Each structure stands twice: as structure tokens, then as C-alpha cells.
């Protein structure tokens, strides 16, 4: 079993988008019994809330389910559970590496580092930019690359 956790600041925009896009890809690949997916935020500010309205609108437009998503803050158990913790920007990368229990910091990856030509590139928070469709497009390109990487490096196929 491979466990993948997507993380952003509030868990109401980028990480829930990544979660549902990635879940769809995993299900379509017939790997839902081998890859488990979740999302969380580094902040507790949005805890219990549904995704932000712009996220809901974008996911609905792309026929992706959002109804069961609720924001939550990352926990120590998440660091232990996850094999991959994929985050969206530099501040969350810094925060996650600081929060990580001993031996878990290497699990944390910046999302667009999956592409050699985009290493170090953040995905801006649409909470502030209001560019939800742009965020979706970036994640829709990155998620297949992450699935390919995980299949190659973490699944026995």
C-alpha cells in the first residue's frame, strides 16, 4: 500500500483539488486497492469547512466529487501514514519540514518538482489569486506525472 497526502495552507483549495484529481486517476488505473489518498492543511483555520466556493465551482465543472471533502489540519499520524506528502508552495514546504517528526521530512515534496524544468516552482494559492481554473490546469498536468512516478518507484507491478 502506498499512501499519498496532498497539503496546502487551509485544505480548501489546492490540496482538495489535487486529492480528487489524483483519486480519479488512481481509480481509472485500477489502483485504488494499492494507493490511498488524502489531503490536509498546515493551518487549522479552515478545519471542518467545505472547499472554497471557487474550488467547488471548478471541481463541479470538471465533474469531480467534492461533497465529502472537509478541511483538516495535518497531524503527526499523517506524517507516519504517508509515503508521499506533496505540497503546493515554499511556505508549506518549509512548515511541513519543520513539523515533520524525525525521519519523515524526506517524504515532503513540492508538487511541481515532479517536472525537471519546474523544480522549485510553487502553485499559487487561488484563495488569493482567484485563478481556480489555472490551479486545476496545473494540478491536472502534475497528477498524472506523480502517478507515473509512484507506480515506477513504489508499486510492485
Protein backbone atom coordinates (compact mmCIF):
# COMPACT_ATOMS: atom_id res chain seq x y z
CA UNK A 1 0.00 0.00 0.00
CA UNK A 2 1.23 3.49 -0.90
CA UNK A 3 -0.24 6.45 0.97
CA UNK A 4 -0.26 9.88 -0.65
CA UNK A 5 -1.15 13.08 1.20
CA UNK A 6 -1.66 16.43 -0.55
CA UNK A 7 -1.13 19.51 1.60
CA UNK A 8 -1.73 23.25 1.22
CA UNK A 9 -2.37 26.01 3.73
CA UNK A 10 -6.07 25.67 4.56
CA UNK A 11 -7.04 22.44 2.76
CA UNK A 12 -9.85 24.24 0.95
CA UNK A 13 -8.33 24.97 -2.48
CA UNK A 14 -5.22 23.29 -3.88
CA UNK A 15 -4.88 20.13 -1.81
CA UNK A 16 -8.52 19.02 -2.13
CA UNK A 17 -8.30 19.67 -5.89
CA UNK A 18 -5.16 17.54 -6.07
CA UNK A 19 -6.80 14.85 -3.94
CA UNK A 20 -9.85 14.40 -6.18
CA UNK A 21 -7.89 14.65 -9.45
CA UNK A 22 -5.38 12.08 -8.22
CA UNK A 23 -8.13 9.81 -6.84
CA UNK A 24 -9.84 9.78 -10.24
CA UNK A 25 -6.57 8.83 -11.96
CA UNK A 26 -5.85 6.09 -9.42
CA UNK A 27 -9.37 4.68 -9.80
CA UNK A 28 -9.16 4.77 -13.60
CA UNK A 29 -5.82 2.93 -13.41
CA UNK A 30 -7.41 0.25 -11.22
CA UNK A 31 -5.01 1.01 -8.38
CA UNK A 32 -7.39 2.11 -5.62
CA UNK A 33 -6.56 -1.05 -3.67
CA UNK A 34 -2.84 -0.12 -3.80
CA UNK A 35 -2.82 3.66 -3.40
CA UNK A 36 -4.66 5.57 -0.67
CA UNK A 37 -5.14 9.31 -0.96
CA UNK A 38 -5.98 12.12 1.46
CA UNK A 39 -5.38 15.84 1.91
CA UNK A 40 -4.76 18.23 4.78
CA UNK A 41 -3.68 21.77 5.57
CA UNK A 42 -0.82 23.18 7.58
CA UNK A 43 -3.26 25.60 9.25
CA UNK A 44 -6.28 24.77 11.39
CA UNK A 45 -8.10 27.95 10.30
CA UNK A 46 -10.49 26.20 7.89
CA UNK A 47 -10.91 22.97 9.88
CA UNK A 48 -14.27 21.33 9.18
CA UNK A 49 -15.11 23.61 6.25
CA UNK A 50 -16.03 22.51 2.75
CA UNK A 51 -13.73 23.56 -0.08
CA UNK A 52 -13.73 27.23 -1.01
CA UNK A 53 -16.58 28.17 -3.41
CA UNK A 54 -14.18 28.67 -6.33
CA UNK A 55 -12.80 25.17 -5.74
CA UNK A 56 -16.33 23.73 -5.64
CA UNK A 57 -17.24 25.50 -8.87
CA UNK A 58 -14.09 24.27 -10.63
CA UNK A 59 -14.43 20.67 -9.42
CA UNK A 60 -18.12 20.65 -10.40
CA UNK A 61 -17.25 21.98 -13.87
CA UNK A 62 -14.81 19.06 -14.29
CA UNK A 63 -17.30 16.51 -12.93
CA UNK A 64 -15.20 15.73 -9.85
CA UNK A 65 -16.84 14.99 -6.49
CA UNK A 66 -16.22 17.41 -3.64
CA UNK A 67 -19.20 16.81 -1.35
CA UNK A 68 -17.34 14.64 1.17
CA UNK A 69 -14.32 16.93 1.45
CA UNK A 70 -13.76 18.73 4.75
CA UNK A 71 -10.70 20.74 5.68
CA UNK A 72 -8.45 19.37 8.38
CA UNK A 73 -5.01 20.09 9.75
CA UNK A 74 -2.12 17.70 9.23
CA UNK A 75 -1.20 15.57 12.25
CA UNK A 76 1.81 13.58 13.39
CA UNK A 77 -0.09 10.43 12.38
CA UNK A 78 -0.34 11.79 8.82
CA UNK A 79 3.45 12.06 8.64
CA UNK A 80 3.74 8.47 9.82
CA UNK A 81 0.97 7.23 7.48
CA UNK A 82 2.06 8.97 4.29
CA UNK A 83 4.72 7.70 1.94
CA UNK A 84 4.46 10.91 -0.12
CA UNK A 85 3.47 14.32 1.22
CA UNK A 86 3.01 16.59 -1.77
CA UNK A 87 2.67 20.29 -1.07
CA UNK A 88 1.98 23.32 -3.21
CA UNK A 89 4.30 26.18 -2.27
CA UNK A 90 7.51 27.10 -0.48
CA UNK A 91 5.96 28.25 2.80
CA UNK A 92 4.05 24.99 3.18
CA UNK A 93 7.21 23.06 2.26
CA UNK A 94 9.12 24.88 4.99
CA UNK A 95 6.30 24.43 7.52
CA UNK A 96 5.92 20.72 6.75
CA UNK A 97 9.63 20.01 7.03
CA UNK A 98 9.65 21.88 10.36
CA UNK A 99 6.58 19.96 11.62
CA UNK A 100 7.81 16.57 10.42
CA UNK A 101 8.74 14.04 13.10
CA UNK A 102 12.27 12.67 12.91
CA UNK A 103 12.74 10.60 9.76
CA UNK A 104 9.68 11.99 7.95
CA UNK A 105 10.96 15.21 6.33
CA UNK A 106 12.17 13.32 3.24
CA UNK A 107 8.57 12.38 2.46
CA UNK A 108 7.72 16.04 1.72
CA UNK A 109 7.85 17.16 -1.93
CA UNK A 110 6.94 20.36 -3.75
CA UNK A 111 4.26 19.37 -6.26
CA UNK A 112 5.83 20.75 -9.43
CA UNK A 113 9.27 19.29 -8.58
CA UNK A 114 7.95 16.22 -10.41
CA UNK A 115 8.94 18.10 -13.60
CA UNK A 116 12.68 18.69 -14.03
CA UNK A 117 12.07 22.04 -15.73
CA UNK A 118 9.73 23.27 -12.96
CA UNK A 119 11.73 22.38 -9.85
CA UNK A 120 11.13 24.98 -7.17
CA UNK A 121 8.02 26.36 -8.88
CA UNK A 122 5.10 26.96 -6.49
CA UNK A 123 1.42 26.65 -7.31
CA UNK A 124 -0.07 29.99 -6.25
CA UNK A 125 -2.96 29.88 -3.81
CA UNK A 126 -6.22 30.61 -5.67
CA UNK A 127 -7.68 31.83 -2.37
CA UNK A 128 -5.65 34.97 -3.12
CA UNK A 129 -5.29 34.87 -6.93
CA UNK A 130 -8.87 33.74 -7.64
CA UNK A 131 -7.43 31.68 -10.54
CA UNK A 132 -9.11 28.38 -9.69
CA UNK A 133 -9.18 27.12 -13.27
CA UNK A 134 -5.45 27.82 -13.63
CA UNK A 135 -4.82 25.88 -10.43
CA UNK A 136 -6.90 23.00 -11.75
CA UNK A 137 -4.97 23.00 -15.05
CA UNK A 138 -1.59 22.92 -13.30
CA UNK A 139 -2.70 20.10 -11.00
CA UNK A 140 -4.29 18.18 -13.88
CA UNK A 141 -0.85 18.12 -15.54
CA UNK A 142 1.09 17.27 -12.38
CA UNK A 143 -1.11 14.46 -11.05
CA UNK A 144 -0.50 12.02 -13.95
CA UNK A 145 3.24 12.61 -13.57
CA UNK A 146 3.03 11.82 -9.85
CA UNK A 147 1.05 8.66 -10.57
CA UNK A 148 3.66 7.52 -13.09
CA UNK A 149 6.44 8.25 -10.58
CA UNK A 150 4.70 6.40 -7.75
CA UNK A 151 3.92 3.41 -9.93
CA UNK A 152 7.57 3.21 -11.02
CA UNK A 153 9.15 3.74 -7.61
CA UNK A 154 6.68 2.42 -5.04
CA UNK A 155 4.41 -0.22 -6.58
CA UNK A 156 5.38 -3.75 -7.48
CA UNK A 157 3.86 -4.08 -10.92
